[in-house]
Amino acid sequence: MELPVFVDDTVDFAARAHDLGIHLFPSSSSPFIICFGLLFLALGAIPFPSVARIVLAVIGGVIFLVGVVGWVLIEDMQMFPSDGPQTHGEAHH
């Protein structure tokens, strides 16, 4: 009688995708933040008293902009850092 042999069959999907040339985006919470901001913007469109509508729209706009800036600027800079030397406007031929 033999003991069962443990075989590690876990797959590193990120490494396999890299070997195959497939680009996988890193996980991000920014789409959730953007949708949360859109929720508050939509709540600002409901006919509440005008002060509540303005407050909801401002809160939603700020949350939406934080999500967009975080996704487009911050995470994009982390994904695609500028590795090259700074040229300061000079063109290389």
PDB file of N, CA and C in Angstrom:
ATOM      1  N   MET A   1       0.843  -1.180   0.000  1.00  0.00           N
ATOM      2  CA  MET A   1       0.000   0.000   0.000  1.00  0.00           C
ATOM      3  C   MET A   1       0.887   1.243   0.000  1.00  0.00           C
ATOM      4  N   GLU A   2       0.647   2.119  -0.962  1.00  0.00           N
ATOM      5  CA  GLU A   2       1.440   3.340  -1.101  1.00  0.00           C
ATOM      6  C   GLU A   2       0.646   4.537  -0.597  1.00  0.00           C
ATOM      7  N   LEU A   3       1.374   5.465  -0.033  1.00  0.00           N
ATOM      8  CA  LEU A   3       0.748   6.706   0.400  1.00  0.00           C
ATOM      9  C   LEU A   3       0.538   7.606  -0.813  1.00  0.00           C
ATOM     10  N   PRO A   4      -0.544   8.363  -0.810  1.00  0.00           N
ATOM     11  CA  PRO A   4      -0.758   9.262  -1.949  1.00  0.00           C
ATOM     12  C   PRO A   4       0.312  10.352  -1.987  1.00  0.00           C
ATOM     13  N   VAL A   5       0.740  10.667  -3.172  1.00  0.00           N
ATOM     14  CA  VAL A   5       1.770  11.674  -3.381  1.00  0.00           C
ATOM     15  C   VAL A   5       1.080  13.004  -3.665  1.00  0.00           C
ATOM     16  N   PHE A   6       1.479  14.016  -2.942  1.00  0.00           N
ATOM     17  CA  PHE A   6       0.901  15.344  -3.150  1.00  0.00           C
ATOM     18  C   PHE A   6       1.553  15.990  -4.369  1.00  0.00           C
ATOM     19  N   VAL A   7       0.729  16.367  -5.325  1.00  0.00           N
ATOM     20  CA  VAL A   7       1.212  17.026  -6.529  1.00  0.00           C
ATOM     21  C   VAL A   7       0.661  18.446  -6.532  1.00  0.00           C
ATOM     22  N   ASP A   8       1.553  19.404  -6.576  1.00  0.00           N
ATOM     23  CA  ASP A   8       1.140  20.812  -6.610  1.00  0.00           C
ATOM     24  C   ASP A   8       0.774  21.167  -8.047  1.00  0.00           C
ATOM     25  N   ASP A   9      -0.521  21.263  -8.318  1.00  0.00           N
ATOM     26  CA  ASP A   9      -0.975  21.558  -9.675  1.00  0.00           C
ATOM     27  C   ASP A   9      -1.579  22.950  -9.784  1.00  0.00           C
ATOM     28  N   THR A  10      -1.130  23.872  -8.923  1.00  0.00           N
ATOM     29  CA  THR A  10      -1.613  25.239  -9.027  1.00  0.00           C
ATOM     30  C   THR A  10      -0.977  25.909 -10.241  1.00  0.00           C
ATOM     31  N   VAL A  11      -1.735  26.790 -10.852  1.00  0.00           N
ATOM     32  CA  VAL A  11      -1.282  27.459 -12.065  1.00  0.00           C
ATOM     33  C   VAL A  11      -1.136  28.942 -11.770  1.00  0.00           C
ATOM     34  N   ASP A  12      -0.005  29.508 -12.106  1.00  0.00           N
ATOM     35  CA  ASP A  12       0.211  30.945 -12.004  1.00  0.00           C
ATOM     36  C   ASP A  12      -0.258  31.564 -13.315  1.00  0.00           C
ATOM     37  N   PHE A  13      -1.512  32.041 -13.307  1.00  0.00           N
ATOM     38  CA  PHE A  13      -2.110  32.533 -14.538  1.00  0.00           C
ATOM     39  C   PHE A  13      -1.428  33.792 -15.056  1.00  0.00           C
ATOM     40  N   ALA A  14      -0.944  34.641 -14.158  1.00  0.00           N
ATOM     41  CA  ALA A  14      -0.263  35.853 -14.607  1.00  0.00           C
ATOM     42  C   ALA A  14       1.035  35.505 -15.334  1.00  0.00           C
ATOM     43  N   ALA A  15       1.795  34.557 -14.803  1.00  0.00           N
ATOM     44  CA  ALA A  15       3.045  34.153 -15.459  1.00  0.00           C
ATOM     45  C   ALA A  15       2.753  33.434 -16.774  1.00  0.00           C
ATOM     46  N   ARG A  16       1.714  32.622 -16.786  1.00  0.00           N
ATOM     47  CA  ARG A  16       1.379  31.913 -18.027  1.00  0.00           C
ATOM     48  C   ARG A  16       0.911  32.887 -19.099  1.00  0.00           C
ATOM     49  N   ALA A  17       0.101  33.879 -18.710  1.00  0.00           N
ATOM     50  CA  ALA A  17      -0.345  34.880 -19.674  1.00  0.00           C
ATOM     51  C   ALA A  17       0.838  35.681 -20.197  1.00  0.00           C
ATOM     52  N   HIS A  18       1.800  35.986 -19.328  1.00  0.00           N
ATOM     53  CA  HIS A  18       2.987  36.716 -19.763  1.00  0.00           C
ATOM     54  C   HIS A  18       3.794  35.891 -20.764  1.00  0.00           C
ATOM     55  N   ASP A  19       3.913  34.594 -20.510  1.00  0.00           N
ATOM     56  CA  ASP A  19       4.634  33.722 -21.443  1.00  0.00           C
ATOM     57  C   ASP A  19       3.937  33.637 -22.798  1.00  0.00           C
ATOM     58  N   LEU A  20       2.605  33.703 -22.781  1.00  0.00           N
ATOM     59  CA  LEU A  20       1.842  33.635 -24.030  1.00  0.00           C
ATOM     60  C   LEU A  20       1.706  34.990 -24.719  1.00  0.00           C
ATOM     61  N   GLY A  21       2.164  36.047 -24.066  1.00  0.00           N
ATOM     62  CA  GLY A  21       2.079  37.380 -24.655  1.00  0.00           C
ATOM     63  C   GLY A  21       0.736  38.040 -24.446  1.00  0.00           C
ATOM     64  N   ILE A  22      -0.017  37.587 -23.461  1.00  0.00           N
ATOM     65  CA  ILE A  22      -1.325  38.165 -23.160  1.00  0.00           C
ATOM     66  C   ILE A  22      -1.143  39.168 -22.037  1.00  0.00           C
ATOM     67  N   HIS A  23      -1.719  40.354 -22.210  1.00  0.00           N
ATOM     68  CA  HIS A  23      -1.592  41.395 -21.200  1.00  0.00           C
ATOM     69  C   HIS A  23      -2.788  41.345 -20.263  1.00  0.00           C
ATOM     70  N   LEU A  24      -2.547  41.165 -18.975  1.00  0.00           N
ATOM     71  CA  LEU A  24      -3.597  41.178 -17.969  1.00  0.00           C
ATOM     72  C   LEU A  24      -3.450  42.442 -17.134  1.00  0.00           C
ATOM     73  N   PHE A  25      -4.531  43.190 -17.026  1.00  0.00           N
ATOM     74  CA  PHE A  25      -4.501  44.393 -16.225  1.00  0.00           C
ATOM     75  C   PHE A  25      -4.510  44.019 -14.753  1.00  0.00           C
ATOM     76  N   PRO A  26      -3.808  44.765 -13.916  1.00  0.00           N
ATOM     77  CA  PRO A  26      -3.864  44.482 -12.487  1.00  0.00           C
ATOM     78  C   PRO A  26      -5.243  44.834 -11.938  1.00  0.00           C
ATOM     79  N   SER A  27      -5.611  44.211 -10.843  1.00  0.00           N
ATOM     80  CA  SER A  27      -6.919  44.495 -10.258  1.00  0.00           C
ATOM     81  C   SER A  27      -6.950  45.940  -9.769  1.00  0.00           C
ATOM     82  N   SER A  28      -8.135  46.513  -9.819  1.00  0.00           N
ATOM     83  CA  SER A  28      -8.273  47.908  -9.471  1.00  0.00           C
ATOM     84  C   SER A  28      -9.597  48.120  -8.759  1.00  0.00           C
ATOM     85  N   SER A  29      -9.624  49.023  -7.803  1.00  0.00           N
ATOM     86  CA  SER A  29     -10.876  49.383  -7.138  1.00  0.00           C
ATOM     87  C   SER A  29     -11.466  50.660  -7.720  1.00  0.00           C
ATOM     88  N   SER A  30     -10.794  51.281  -8.673  1.00  0.00           N
ATOM     89  CA  SER A  30     -11.267  52.540  -9.232  1.00  0.00           C
ATOM     90  C   SER A  30     -12.611  52.427  -9.958  1.00  0.00           C
ATOM     91  N   PRO A  31     -12.893  51.359 -10.717  1.00  0.00           N
ATOM     92  CA  PRO A  31     -14.233  51.281 -11.324  1.00  0.00           C
ATOM     93  C   PRO A  31     -15.358  51.270 -10.287  1.00  0.00           C
ATOM     94  N   PHE A  32     -15.129  50.641  -9.137  1.00  0.00           N
ATOM     95  CA  PHE A  32     -16.134  50.665  -8.073  1.00  0.00           C
ATOM     96  C   PHE A  32     -16.317  52.081  -7.544  1.00  0.00           C
ATOM     97  N   ILE A  33     -15.230  52.809  -7.366  1.00  0.00           N
ATOM     98  CA  ILE A  33     -15.313  54.190  -6.869  1.00  0.00           C
ATOM     99  C   ILE A  33     -16.042  55.071  -7.878  1.00  0.00           C
ATOM    100  N   ILE A  34     -15.779  54.875  -9.168  1.00  0.00           N
ATOM    101  CA  ILE A  34     -16.449  55.650 -10.208  1.00  0.00           C
ATOM    102  C   ILE A  34     -17.956  55.376 -10.181  1.00  0.00           C
ATOM    103  N   CYS A  35     -18.339  54.113 -10.066  1.00  0.00           N
ATOM    104  CA  CYS A  35     -19.762  53.764 -10.016  1.00  0.00           C
ATOM    105  C   CYS A  35     -20.426  54.316  -8.763  1.00  0.00           C
ATOM    106  N   PHE A  36     -19.701  54.332  -7.657  1.00  0.00           N
ATOM    107  CA  PHE A  36     -20.237  54.902  -6.419  1.00  0.00           C
ATOM    108  C   PHE A  36     -20.488  56.399  -6.591  1.00  0.00           C
ATOM    109  N   GLY A  37     -19.572  57.088  -7.260  1.00  0.00           N
ATOM    110  CA  GLY A  37     -19.779  58.510  -7.549  1.00  0.00           C
ATOM    111  C   GLY A  37     -20.949  58.742  -8.489  1.00  0.00           C
ATOM    112  N   LEU A  38     -21.102  57.862  -9.487  1.00  0.00           N
ATOM    113  CA  LEU A  38     -22.242  57.979 -10.402  1.00  0.00           C
ATOM    114  C   LEU A  38     -23.565  57.731  -9.678  1.00  0.00           C
ATOM    115  N   LEU A  39     -23.553  56.862  -8.664  1.00  0.00           N
ATOM    116  CA  LEU A  39     -24.750  56.637  -7.859  1.00  0.00           C
ATOM    117  C   LEU A  39     -25.192  57.932  -7.195  1.00  0.00           C
ATOM    118  N   PHE A  40     -24.267  58.638  -6.577  1.00  0.00           N
ATOM    119  CA  PHE A  40     -24.616  59.895  -5.927  1.00  0.00           C
ATOM    120  C   PHE A  40     -25.024  60.963  -6.943  1.00  0.00           C
ATOM    121  N   LEU A  41     -24.388  60.967  -8.106  1.00  0.00           N
ATOM    122  CA  LEU A  41     -24.811  61.906  -9.152  1.00  0.00           C
ATOM    123  C   LEU A  41     -26.229  61.604  -9.611  1.00  0.00           C
ATOM    124  N   ALA A  42     -26.567  60.325  -9.740  1.00  0.00           N
ATOM    125  CA  ALA A  42     -27.928  59.949 -10.131  1.00  0.00           C
ATOM    126  C   ALA A  42     -28.927  60.297  -9.032  1.00  0.00           C
ATOM    127  N   LEU A  43     -28.539  60.121  -7.768  1.00  0.00           N
ATOM    128  CA  LEU A  43     -29.424  60.518  -6.675  1.00  0.00           C
ATOM    129  C   LEU A  43     -29.661  62.029  -6.678  1.00  0.00           C
ATOM    130  N   GLY A  44     -28.699  62.790  -7.160  1.00  0.00           N
ATOM    131  CA  GLY A  44     -28.876  64.233  -7.274  1.00  0.00           C
ATOM    132  C   GLY A  44     -29.868  64.619  -8.351  1.00  0.00           C
ATOM    133  N   ALA A  45     -30.199  63.705  -9.248  1.00  0.00           N
ATOM    134  CA  ALA A  45     -31.175  63.993 -10.309  1.00  0.00           C
ATOM    135  C   ALA A  45     -32.613  63.725  -9.861  1.00  0.00           C
ATOM    136  N   ILE A  46     -32.785  63.073  -8.717  1.00  0.00           N
ATOM    137  CA  ILE A  46     -34.126  62.798  -8.189  1.00  0.00           C
ATOM    138  C   ILE A  46     -34.676  64.089  -7.600  1.00  0.00           C
ATOM    139  N   PRO A  47     -35.956  64.361  -7.806  1.00  0.00           N
ATOM    140  CA  PRO A  47     -36.507  65.641  -7.326  1.00  0.00           C
ATOM    141  C   PRO A  47     -36.636  65.730  -5.802  1.00  0.00           C
ATOM    142  N   PHE A  48     -35.507  65.885  -5.134  1.00  0.00           N
ATOM    143  CA  PHE A  48     -35.462  66.201  -3.714  1.00  0.00           C
ATOM    144  C   PHE A  48     -35.463  67.717  -3.587  1.00  0.00           C
ATOM    145  N   PRO A  49     -35.480  68.231  -2.362  1.00  0.00           N
ATOM    146  CA  PRO A  49     -35.279  69.688  -2.223  1.00  0.00           C
ATOM    147  C   PRO A  49     -33.936  70.103  -2.838  1.00  0.00           C
ATOM    148  N   SER A  50     -33.863  71.327  -3.314  1.00  0.00           N
ATOM    149  CA  SER A  50     -32.707  71.759  -4.109  1.00  0.00           C
ATOM    150  C   SER A  50     -31.384  71.662  -3.349  1.00  0.00           C
ATOM    151  N   VAL A  51     -31.374  71.910  -2.034  1.00  0.00           N
ATOM    152  CA  VAL A  51     -30.132  71.825  -1.271  1.00  0.00           C
ATOM    153  C   VAL A  51     -29.631  70.383  -1.252  1.00  0.00           C
ATOM    154  N   ALA A  52     -30.523  69.428  -1.058  1.00  0.00           N
ATOM    155  CA  ALA A  52     -30.123  68.016  -1.035  1.00  0.00           C
ATOM    156  C   ALA A  52     -29.611  67.582  -2.400  1.00  0.00           C
ATOM    157  N   ARG A  53     -30.237  68.051  -3.461  1.00  0.00           N
ATOM    158  CA  ARG A  53     -29.787  67.702  -4.812  1.00  0.00           C
ATOM    159  C   ARG A  53     -28.394  68.238  -5.082  1.00  0.00           C
ATOM    160  N   ILE A  54     -28.141  69.459  -4.662  1.00  0.00           N
ATOM    161  CA  ILE A  54     -26.823  70.065  -4.886  1.00  0.00           C
ATOM    162  C   ILE A  54     -25.762  69.323  -4.077  1.00  0.00           C
ATOM    163  N   VAL A  55     -26.073  69.004  -2.817  1.00  0.00           N
ATOM    164  CA  VAL A  55     -25.116  68.293  -1.970  1.00  0.00           C
ATOM    165  C   VAL A  55     -24.818  66.917  -2.558  1.00  0.00           C
ATOM    166  N   LEU A  56     -25.845  66.176  -2.984  1.00  0.00           N
ATOM    167  CA  LEU A  56     -25.640  64.863  -3.582  1.00  0.00           C
ATOM    168  C   LEU A  56     -24.821  64.961  -4.871  1.00  0.00           C
ATOM    169  N   ALA A  57     -25.109  65.961  -5.682  1.00  0.00           N
ATOM    170  CA  ALA A  57     -24.377  66.123  -6.942  1.00  0.00           C
ATOM    171  C   ALA A  57     -22.914  66.480  -6.686  1.00  0.00           C
ATOM    172  N   VAL A  58     -22.647  67.331  -5.705  1.00  0.00           N
ATOM    173  CA  VAL A  58     -21.267  67.706  -5.400  1.00  0.00           C
ATOM    174  C   VAL A  58     -20.503  66.509  -4.835  1.00  0.00           C
ATOM    175  N   ILE A  59     -21.121  65.778  -3.909  1.00  0.00           N
ATOM    176  CA  ILE A  59     -20.467  64.594  -3.347  1.00  0.00           C
ATOM    177  C   ILE A  59     -20.200  63.579  -4.448  1.00  0.00           C
ATOM    178  N   GLY A  60     -21.193  63.331  -5.307  1.00  0.00           N
ATOM    179  CA  GLY A  60     -21.018  62.387  -6.402  1.00  0.00           C
ATOM    180  C   GLY A  60     -19.955  62.823  -7.384  1.00  0.00           C
ATOM    181  N   GLY A  61     -19.911  64.110  -7.683  1.00  0.00           N
ATOM    182  CA  GLY A  61     -18.899  64.618  -8.607  1.00  0.00           C
ATOM    183  C   GLY A  61     -17.496  64.469  -8.067  1.00  0.00           C
ATOM    184  N   VAL A  62     -17.328  64.740  -6.775  1.00  0.00           N
ATOM    185  CA  VAL A  62     -16.004  64.620  -6.161  1.00  0.00           C
ATOM    186  C   VAL A  62     -15.564  63.153  -6.138  1.00  0.00           C
ATOM    187  N   ILE A  63     -16.464  62.256  -5.735  1.00  0.00           N
ATOM    188  CA  ILE A  63     -16.120  60.830  -5.698  1.00  0.00           C
ATOM    189  C   ILE A  63     -15.814  60.325  -7.103  1.00  0.00           C
ATOM    190  N   PHE A  64     -16.616  60.739  -8.083  1.00  0.00           N
ATOM    191  CA  PHE A  64     -16.396  60.336  -9.474  1.00  0.00           C
ATOM    192  C   PHE A  64     -15.031  60.802  -9.971  1.00  0.00           C
ATOM    193  N   LEU A  65     -14.690  62.058  -9.714  1.00  0.00           N
ATOM    194  CA  LEU A  65     -13.402  62.590 -10.163  1.00  0.00           C
ATOM    195  C   LEU A  65     -12.230  61.910  -9.460  1.00  0.00           C
ATOM    196  N   VAL A  66     -12.379  61.590  -8.179  1.00  0.00           N
ATOM    197  CA  VAL A  66     -11.320  60.865  -7.470  1.00  0.00           C
ATOM    198  C   VAL A  66     -11.099  59.505  -8.115  1.00  0.00           C
ATOM    199  N   GLY A  67     -12.192  58.823  -8.476  1.00  0.00           N
ATOM    200  CA  GLY A  67     -12.065  57.522  -9.125  1.00  0.00           C
ATOM    201  C   GLY A  67     -11.423  57.612 -10.492  1.00  0.00           C
ATOM    202  N   VAL A  68     -11.814  58.601 -11.276  1.00  0.00           N
ATOM    203  CA  VAL A  68     -11.245  58.759 -12.625  1.00  0.00           C
ATOM    204  C   VAL A  68      -9.771  59.134 -12.546  1.00  0.00           C
ATOM    205  N   VAL A  69      -9.432  60.077 -11.680  1.00  0.00           N
ATOM    206  CA  VAL A  69      -8.031  60.475 -11.535  1.00  0.00           C
ATOM    207  C   VAL A  69      -7.198  59.299 -11.027  1.00  0.00           C
ATOM    208  N   GLY A  70      -7.731  58.548 -10.081  1.00  0.00           N
ATOM    209  CA  GLY A  70      -7.001  57.397  -9.565  1.00  0.00           C
ATOM    210  C   GLY A  70      -6.773  56.333 -10.616  1.00  0.00           C
ATOM    211  N   TRP A  71      -7.767  56.134 -11.473  1.00  0.00           N
ATOM    212  CA  TRP A  71      -7.656  55.082 -12.484  1.00  0.00           C
ATOM    213  C   TRP A  71      -6.793  55.522 -13.655  1.00  0.00           C
ATOM    214  N   VAL A  72      -7.040  56.723 -14.155  1.00  0.00           N
ATOM    215  CA  VAL A  72      -6.358  57.182 -15.361  1.00  0.00           C
ATOM    216  C   VAL A  72      -4.936  57.649 -15.071  1.00  0.00           C
ATOM    217  N   LEU A  73      -4.761  58.434 -14.044  1.00  0.00           N
ATOM    218  CA  LEU A  73      -3.439  59.013 -13.805  1.00  0.00           C
ATOM    219  C   LEU A  73      -2.562  58.141 -12.914  1.00  0.00           C
ATOM    220  N   ILE A  74      -3.050  57.815 -11.737  1.00  0.00           N
ATOM    221  CA  ILE A  74      -2.193  57.140 -10.764  1.00  0.00           C
ATOM    222  C   ILE A  74      -1.899  55.707 -11.172  1.00  0.00           C
ATOM    223  N   GLU A  75      -2.946  54.914 -11.467  1.00  0.00           N
ATOM    224  CA  GLU A  75      -2.701  53.520 -11.821  1.00  0.00           C
ATOM    225  C   GLU A  75      -2.047  53.387 -13.185  1.00  0.00           C
ATOM    226  N   ASP A  76      -2.336  54.305 -14.103  1.00  0.00           N
ATOM    227  CA  ASP A  76      -1.689  54.257 -15.411  1.00  0.00           C
ATOM    228  C   ASP A  76      -0.207  54.558 -15.286  1.00  0.00           C
ATOM    229  N   MET A  77       0.163  55.477 -14.404  1.00  0.00           N
ATOM    230  CA  MET A  77       1.575  55.778 -14.191  1.00  0.00           C
ATOM    231  C   MET A  77       2.288  54.610 -13.523  1.00  0.00           C
ATOM    232  N   GLN A  78       1.584  53.858 -12.664  1.00  0.00           N
ATOM    233  CA  GLN A  78       2.200  52.703 -12.035  1.00  0.00           C
ATOM    234  C   GLN A  78       2.363  51.557 -13.031  1.00  0.00           C
ATOM    235  N   MET A  79       1.421  51.423 -13.977  1.00  0.00           N
ATOM    236  CA  MET A  79       1.507  50.353 -14.971  1.00  0.00           C
ATOM    237  C   MET A  79       2.561  50.640 -16.021  1.00  0.00           C
ATOM    238  N   PHE A  80       2.640  51.894 -16.456  1.00  0.00           N
ATOM    239  CA  PHE A  80       3.552  52.274 -17.528  1.00  0.00           C
ATOM    240  C   PHE A  80       4.487  53.379 -17.057  1.00  0.00           C
ATOM    241  N   PRO A  81       5.451  53.067 -16.189  1.00  0.00           N
ATOM    242  CA  PRO A  81       6.373  54.106 -15.725  1.00  0.00           C
ATOM    243  C   PRO A  81       7.301  54.526 -16.859  1.00  0.00           C
ATOM    244  N   SER A  82       7.728  55.762 -16.792  1.00  0.00           N
ATOM    245  CA  SER A  82       8.664  56.246 -17.814  1.00  0.00           C
ATOM    246  C   SER A  82      10.067  55.815 -17.389  1.00  0.00           C
ATOM    247  N   ASP A  83      10.576  54.759 -18.027  1.00  0.00           N
ATOM    248  CA  ASP A  83      11.891  54.218 -17.680  1.00  0.00           C
ATOM    249  C   ASP A  83      13.026  54.946 -18.382  1.00  0.00           C
ATOM    250  N   GLY A  84      12.708  55.593 -19.489  1.00  0.00           N
ATOM    251  CA  GLY A  84      13.746  56.225 -20.283  1.00  0.00           C
ATOM    252  C   GLY A  84      14.264  57.490 -19.636  1.00  0.00           C
ATOM    253  N   PRO A  85      15.421  57.947 -20.075  1.00  0.00           N
ATOM    254  CA  PRO A  85      15.968  59.191 -19.532  1.00  0.00           C
ATOM    255  C   PRO A  85      15.143  60.387 -19.987  1.00  0.00           C
ATOM    256  N   GLN A  86      15.131  61.406 -19.177  1.00  0.00           N
ATOM    257  CA  GLN A  86      14.394  62.610 -19.514  1.00  0.00           C
ATOM    258  C   GLN A  86      15.144  63.362 -20.601  1.00  0.00           C
ATOM    259  N   THR A  87      14.421  63.740 -21.683  1.00  0.00           N
ATOM    260  CA  THR A  87      15.075  64.423 -22.794  1.00  0.00           C
ATOM    261  C   THR A  87      14.915  65.924 -22.729  1.00  0.00           C
ATOM    262  N   HIS A  88      13.944  66.401 -21.962  1.00  0.00           N
ATOM    263  CA  HIS A  88      13.690  67.836 -21.804  1.00  0.00           C
ATOM    264  C   HIS A  88      13.457  68.508 -23.155  1.00  0.00           C
ATOM    265  N   GLY A  89      12.651  67.877 -23.990  1.00  0.00           N
ATOM    266  CA  GLY A  89      12.261  68.473 -25.258  1.00  0.00           C
ATOM    267  C   GLY A  89      13.192  68.184 -26.426  1.00  0.00           C
ATOM    268  N   GLU A  90      14.285  67.536 -26.195  1.00  0.00           N
ATOM    269  CA  GLU A  90      15.218  67.237 -27.286  1.00  0.00           C
ATOM    270  C   GLU A  90      14.792  65.967 -28.008  1.00  0.00           C
ATOM    271  N   ALA A  91      14.830  65.997 -29.315  1.00  0.00           N
ATOM    272  CA  ALA A  91      14.465  64.823 -30.108  1.00  0.00           C
ATOM    273  C   ALA A  91      15.721  64.042 -30.469  1.00  0.00           C
ATOM    274  N   HIS A  92      15.631  62.719 -30.354  1.00  0.00           N
ATOM    275  CA  HIS A  92      16.746  61.857 -30.722  1.00  0.00           C
ATOM    276  C   HIS A  92      16.548  61.366 -32.143  1.00  0.00           C
ATOM    277  N   HIS A  93      17.615  61.377 -32.922  1.00  0.00           N
ATOM    278  CA  HIS A  93      17.505  60.934 -34.328  1.00  0.00           C
ATOM    279  C   HIS A  93      18.253  59.657 -34.536  1.00  0.00           C
TER     280      HIS A  93
END
